[in-house]
């Protein structure tokens, strides 16, 4: 895991802003926090839960950032998989359950 991913994940869980290269974590006044990669929101957390989405970018960098949050994503034949389920066709946010979180 890259250092930038670890630092961004730490900022995400601590609900503090962070910016380095292509990754931005924004802490909002209402207690929510978002993680963006190249301007695409790939994770957010609010009072309802923590959600992830690959934004149709099945890249090593996207996978690395999401896995730093504890997503447990693997890439098989260019498509993301999580818990034996392909995320390739998913056009929606996926909620991470509390037991999965770091």
N, C-alpha and C. Protein backbone atom coordinates (compact mmCIF):
# COMPACT_ATOMS: atom_id res chain seq x y z
N UNK A 1 0.84 -1.17 0.00
CA UNK A 1 0.00 0.00 0.00
C UNK A 1 0.90 1.25 0.00
N UNK A 2 0.52 2.19 -0.80
CA UNK A 2 1.30 3.42 -0.92
C UNK A 2 1.12 4.32 0.30
N UNK A 3 2.14 5.09 0.58
CA UNK A 3 2.13 6.01 1.72
C UNK A 3 1.00 7.03 1.58
N UNK A 4 0.77 7.52 0.38
CA UNK A 4 -0.30 8.50 0.16
C UNK A 4 -1.66 7.89 0.52
N UNK A 5 -1.86 6.62 0.20
CA UNK A 5 -3.11 5.94 0.53
C UNK A 5 -3.28 5.82 2.04
N UNK A 6 -2.21 5.46 2.73
CA UNK A 6 -2.26 5.34 4.19
C UNK A 6 -2.56 6.69 4.83
N UNK A 7 -1.90 7.74 4.36
CA UNK A 7 -2.12 9.08 4.92
C UNK A 7 -3.52 9.58 4.64
N UNK A 8 -4.02 9.33 3.43
CA UNK A 8 -5.38 9.76 3.08
C UNK A 8 -6.41 9.00 3.91
N UNK A 9 -6.20 7.70 4.10
CA UNK A 9 -7.13 6.90 4.90
C UNK A 9 -7.14 7.38 6.35
N UNK A 10 -5.97 7.69 6.89
CA UNK A 10 -5.89 8.20 8.27
C UNK A 10 -6.68 9.50 8.38
N UNK A 11 -6.53 10.40 7.42
CA UNK A 11 -7.28 11.66 7.43
C UNK A 11 -8.78 11.40 7.31
N UNK A 12 -9.16 10.46 6.47
CA UNK A 12 -10.57 10.11 6.27
C UNK A 12 -11.19 9.65 7.59
N UNK A 13 -10.53 8.70 8.28
CA UNK A 13 -11.10 8.16 9.51
C UNK A 13 -11.04 9.17 10.66
N UNK A 14 -10.09 10.09 10.60
CA UNK A 14 -9.98 11.11 11.64
C UNK A 14 -10.81 12.35 11.30
N UNK A 15 -11.50 12.32 10.18
CA UNK A 15 -12.36 13.40 9.72
C UNK A 15 -11.61 14.74 9.65
N UNK A 16 -10.46 14.70 8.96
CA UNK A 16 -9.69 15.92 8.76
C UNK A 16 -9.31 16.04 7.29
N UNK A 17 -9.16 17.26 6.84
CA UNK A 17 -8.83 17.52 5.44
C UNK A 17 -7.40 17.12 5.13
N UNK A 18 -7.17 16.73 3.85
CA UNK A 18 -5.87 16.26 3.40
C UNK A 18 -5.81 16.46 1.90
N UNK A 19 -4.65 16.85 1.39
CA UNK A 19 -4.48 16.96 -0.06
C UNK A 19 -3.03 16.64 -0.40
N UNK A 20 -2.87 15.70 -1.32
CA UNK A 20 -1.55 15.38 -1.83
C UNK A 20 -1.72 14.81 -3.25
N UNK A 21 -1.03 15.43 -4.18
CA UNK A 21 -1.05 15.00 -5.58
C UNK A 21 -2.47 14.86 -6.10
N UNK A 22 -2.90 13.63 -6.42
CA UNK A 22 -4.19 13.40 -7.05
C UNK A 22 -5.30 13.04 -6.06
N UNK A 23 -5.00 13.09 -4.77
CA UNK A 23 -5.95 12.63 -3.75
C UNK A 23 -6.31 13.77 -2.80
N UNK A 24 -7.61 13.92 -2.56
CA UNK A 24 -8.11 14.97 -1.66
C UNK A 24 -9.10 14.33 -0.69
N UNK A 25 -8.94 14.61 0.59
CA UNK A 25 -9.92 14.25 1.60
C UNK A 25 -10.49 15.55 2.13
N UNK A 26 -11.82 15.65 2.14
CA UNK A 26 -12.48 16.87 2.60
C UNK A 26 -13.34 16.54 3.82
N UNK A 27 -13.06 17.25 4.90
CA UNK A 27 -13.88 17.14 6.11
C UNK A 27 -14.89 18.28 6.07
N UNK A 28 -16.16 17.95 6.18
CA UNK A 28 -17.22 18.94 6.09
C UNK A 28 -17.72 19.31 7.48
N UNK A 29 -18.31 20.47 7.60
CA UNK A 29 -18.77 20.99 8.88
C UNK A 29 -19.84 20.15 9.56
N UNK A 30 -20.56 19.34 8.80
CA UNK A 30 -21.63 18.52 9.37
C UNK A 30 -21.12 17.18 9.90
N UNK A 31 -19.81 16.97 9.89
CA UNK A 31 -19.22 15.72 10.39
C UNK A 31 -18.99 14.68 9.31
N UNK A 32 -19.40 14.96 8.09
CA UNK A 32 -19.16 14.01 7.00
C UNK A 32 -17.77 14.24 6.41
N UNK A 33 -17.28 13.26 5.69
CA UNK A 33 -15.96 13.35 5.08
C UNK A 33 -16.01 12.64 3.74
N UNK A 34 -15.27 13.14 2.75
CA UNK A 34 -15.22 12.53 1.43
C UNK A 34 -13.77 12.32 1.02
N UNK A 35 -13.56 11.33 0.15
CA UNK A 35 -12.25 11.11 -0.46
C UNK A 35 -12.43 11.19 -1.97
N UNK A 36 -11.57 11.98 -2.61
CA UNK A 36 -11.63 12.15 -4.05
C UNK A 36 -10.29 11.74 -4.66
N UNK A 37 -10.37 11.14 -5.83
CA UNK A 37 -9.20 10.78 -6.61
C UNK A 37 -9.38 11.37 -8.00
N UNK A 38 -8.48 12.27 -8.40
CA UNK A 38 -8.59 12.98 -9.67
C UNK A 38 -9.95 13.66 -9.81
N UNK A 39 -10.48 14.18 -8.72
CA UNK A 39 -11.75 14.90 -8.76
C UNK A 39 -12.99 14.03 -8.71
N UNK A 40 -12.82 12.71 -8.67
CA UNK A 40 -13.94 11.78 -8.58
C UNK A 40 -14.10 11.33 -7.13
N UNK A 41 -15.29 11.47 -6.60
CA UNK A 41 -15.55 11.04 -5.23
C UNK A 41 -15.61 9.52 -5.19
N UNK A 42 -14.67 8.90 -4.46
CA UNK A 42 -14.60 7.44 -4.39
C UNK A 42 -15.02 6.90 -3.03
N UNK A 43 -15.14 7.76 -2.03
CA UNK A 43 -15.59 7.31 -0.71
C UNK A 43 -16.20 8.49 0.04
N UNK A 44 -17.19 8.17 0.86
CA UNK A 44 -17.71 9.19 1.77
C UNK A 44 -18.26 8.52 3.02
N UNK A 45 -18.29 9.30 4.08
CA UNK A 45 -18.81 8.82 5.36
C UNK A 45 -19.67 9.93 5.95
N UNK A 46 -20.83 9.53 6.44
CA UNK A 46 -21.73 10.47 7.11
C UNK A 46 -22.40 9.74 8.26
N UNK A 47 -23.45 10.33 8.82
CA UNK A 47 -24.11 9.71 9.97
C UNK A 47 -24.80 8.39 9.62
N UNK A 48 -24.98 8.11 8.34
CA UNK A 48 -25.67 6.89 7.92
C UNK A 48 -24.72 5.74 7.64
N UNK A 49 -23.43 6.01 7.41
CA UNK A 49 -22.49 4.94 7.14
C UNK A 49 -21.32 5.38 6.29
N UNK A 50 -20.55 4.40 5.84
CA UNK A 50 -19.39 4.64 4.98
C UNK A 50 -19.64 3.94 3.65
N UNK A 51 -19.40 4.66 2.55
CA UNK A 51 -19.72 4.17 1.22
C UNK A 51 -18.52 4.32 0.29
N UNK A 52 -18.39 3.37 -0.64
CA UNK A 52 -17.29 3.41 -1.61
C UNK A 52 -17.87 3.24 -3.02
N UNK A 53 -17.14 3.74 -4.00
CA UNK A 53 -17.51 3.59 -5.40
C UNK A 53 -16.27 3.80 -6.26
N UNK A 54 -16.08 2.96 -7.26
CA UNK A 54 -14.88 3.03 -8.10
C UNK A 54 -15.00 4.03 -9.24
N UNK A 55 -16.16 4.59 -9.46
CA UNK A 55 -16.40 5.59 -10.52
C UNK A 55 -15.99 5.07 -11.90
N UNK A 56 -16.10 3.78 -12.10
CA UNK A 56 -15.74 3.11 -13.36
C UNK A 56 -14.25 3.18 -13.67
N UNK A 57 -13.43 3.49 -12.69
CA UNK A 57 -11.97 3.48 -12.85
C UNK A 57 -11.42 2.26 -12.11
N UNK A 58 -11.15 1.21 -12.85
CA UNK A 58 -10.63 -0.04 -12.27
C UNK A 58 -9.10 -0.03 -12.32
N UNK A 59 -8.51 0.96 -11.68
CA UNK A 59 -7.06 1.13 -11.73
C UNK A 59 -6.43 0.70 -10.41
N UNK A 60 -5.12 0.47 -10.46
CA UNK A 60 -4.39 0.12 -9.24
C UNK A 60 -4.49 1.24 -8.21
N UNK A 61 -4.47 2.48 -8.67
CA UNK A 61 -4.53 3.62 -7.74
C UNK A 61 -5.87 3.68 -7.03
N UNK A 62 -6.97 3.51 -7.78
CA UNK A 62 -8.30 3.51 -7.15
C UNK A 62 -8.40 2.37 -6.16
N UNK A 63 -7.97 1.20 -6.56
CA UNK A 63 -8.02 0.03 -5.67
C UNK A 63 -7.19 0.29 -4.41
N UNK A 64 -6.01 0.87 -4.56
CA UNK A 64 -5.14 1.13 -3.43
C UNK A 64 -5.78 2.09 -2.44
N UNK A 65 -6.40 3.17 -2.94
CA UNK A 65 -7.04 4.14 -2.05
C UNK A 65 -8.22 3.50 -1.30
N UNK A 66 -9.05 2.73 -2.01
CA UNK A 66 -10.20 2.09 -1.37
C UNK A 66 -9.76 1.01 -0.38
N UNK A 67 -8.73 0.26 -0.72
CA UNK A 67 -8.25 -0.78 0.19
C UNK A 67 -7.62 -0.18 1.44
N UNK A 68 -7.07 1.01 1.33
CA UNK A 68 -6.53 1.69 2.52
C UNK A 68 -7.65 1.97 3.52
N UNK A 69 -8.87 2.08 3.03
CA UNK A 69 -10.04 2.29 3.89
C UNK A 69 -10.59 0.98 4.44
N UNK A 70 -10.06 -0.14 3.95
CA UNK A 70 -10.51 -1.45 4.40
C UNK A 70 -11.51 -2.12 3.49
N UNK A 71 -11.58 -1.71 2.23
CA UNK A 71 -12.60 -2.22 1.30
C UNK A 71 -12.38 -3.66 0.88
N UNK A 72 -11.15 -4.15 0.87
CA UNK A 72 -10.88 -5.54 0.49
C UNK A 72 -11.17 -5.83 -0.97
N UNK A 73 -10.73 -4.95 -1.86
CA UNK A 73 -11.00 -5.10 -3.29
C UNK A 73 -9.82 -5.80 -3.97
N UNK A 74 -10.15 -6.74 -4.86
CA UNK A 74 -9.16 -7.40 -5.71
C UNK A 74 -9.53 -7.09 -7.16
N UNK A 75 -8.54 -7.16 -8.03
CA UNK A 75 -8.82 -6.96 -9.46
C UNK A 75 -8.53 -8.26 -10.18
N UNK A 76 -9.54 -8.76 -10.88
CA UNK A 76 -9.42 -10.00 -11.65
C UNK A 76 -9.81 -9.69 -13.08
N UNK A 77 -8.88 -9.95 -14.01
CA UNK A 77 -9.12 -9.67 -15.43
C UNK A 77 -9.60 -8.24 -15.66
N UNK A 78 -9.02 -7.31 -14.93
CA UNK A 78 -9.32 -5.90 -15.12
C UNK A 78 -10.59 -5.40 -14.45
N UNK A 79 -11.28 -6.27 -13.70
CA UNK A 79 -12.54 -5.90 -13.05
C UNK A 79 -12.39 -6.04 -11.54
N UNK A 80 -12.89 -5.07 -10.80
CA UNK A 80 -12.83 -5.11 -9.35
C UNK A 80 -13.80 -6.16 -8.81
N UNK A 81 -13.36 -6.87 -7.79
CA UNK A 81 -14.19 -7.85 -7.08
C UNK A 81 -14.05 -7.60 -5.59
N UNK A 82 -15.14 -7.82 -4.90
CA UNK A 82 -15.15 -7.68 -3.45
C UNK A 82 -16.04 -8.77 -2.89
N UNK A 83 -15.49 -9.58 -2.00
CA UNK A 83 -16.25 -10.68 -1.39
C UNK A 83 -16.90 -11.56 -2.46
N UNK A 84 -16.12 -11.98 -3.44
CA UNK A 84 -16.55 -12.88 -4.51
C UNK A 84 -17.63 -12.28 -5.41
N UNK A 85 -17.81 -10.98 -5.35
CA UNK A 85 -18.80 -10.30 -6.18
C UNK A 85 -18.08 -9.31 -7.09
N UNK A 86 -18.41 -9.36 -8.37
CA UNK A 86 -17.84 -8.40 -9.31
C UNK A 86 -18.43 -7.03 -9.08
N UNK A 87 -17.56 -6.03 -9.06
CA UNK A 87 -18.03 -4.65 -8.93
C UNK A 87 -18.02 -3.95 -10.27
N UNK A 88 -17.73 -4.68 -11.32
CA UNK A 88 -17.58 -4.09 -12.64
C UNK A 88 -18.82 -3.42 -13.16
N UNK A 89 -19.96 -4.03 -12.98
CA UNK A 89 -21.20 -3.48 -13.51
C UNK A 89 -21.94 -2.59 -12.53
N UNK A 90 -21.41 -2.43 -11.33
CA UNK A 90 -22.10 -1.65 -10.32
C UNK A 90 -21.97 -0.18 -10.61
N UNK A 91 -23.07 0.50 -10.74
CA UNK A 91 -23.11 1.94 -11.00
C UNK A 91 -23.70 2.64 -9.80
N UNK A 92 -23.28 2.21 -8.61
CA UNK A 92 -23.85 2.77 -7.40
C UNK A 92 -22.83 2.70 -6.27
N UNK A 93 -23.14 3.37 -5.20
CA UNK A 93 -22.30 3.34 -4.01
C UNK A 93 -22.55 2.05 -3.26
N UNK A 94 -21.50 1.50 -2.67
CA UNK A 94 -21.60 0.27 -1.89
C UNK A 94 -21.29 0.61 -0.44
N UNK A 95 -22.15 0.21 0.46
CA UNK A 95 -21.94 0.51 1.87
C UNK A 95 -20.97 -0.50 2.48
N UNK A 96 -20.01 0.01 3.24
CA UNK A 96 -19.12 -0.85 3.99
C UNK A 96 -19.74 -1.07 5.36
N UNK A 97 -19.82 -2.31 5.77
CA UNK A 97 -20.39 -2.63 7.08
C UNK A 97 -19.38 -2.34 8.18
N UNK A 98 -19.87 -2.09 9.38
CA UNK A 98 -19.00 -1.76 10.51
C UNK A 98 -17.93 -2.81 10.75
N UNK A 99 -18.23 -4.08 10.57
CA UNK A 99 -17.25 -5.13 10.82
C UNK A 99 -16.08 -5.07 9.84
N UNK A 100 -16.28 -4.45 8.69
CA UNK A 100 -15.24 -4.36 7.69
C UNK A 100 -14.29 -3.19 7.94
N UNK A 101 -14.73 -2.23 8.69
CA UNK A 101 -13.97 -1.01 8.86
C UNK A 101 -12.75 -1.25 9.74
N UNK A 102 -11.72 -0.47 9.45
CA UNK A 102 -10.48 -0.59 10.23
C UNK A 102 -10.66 -0.12 11.63
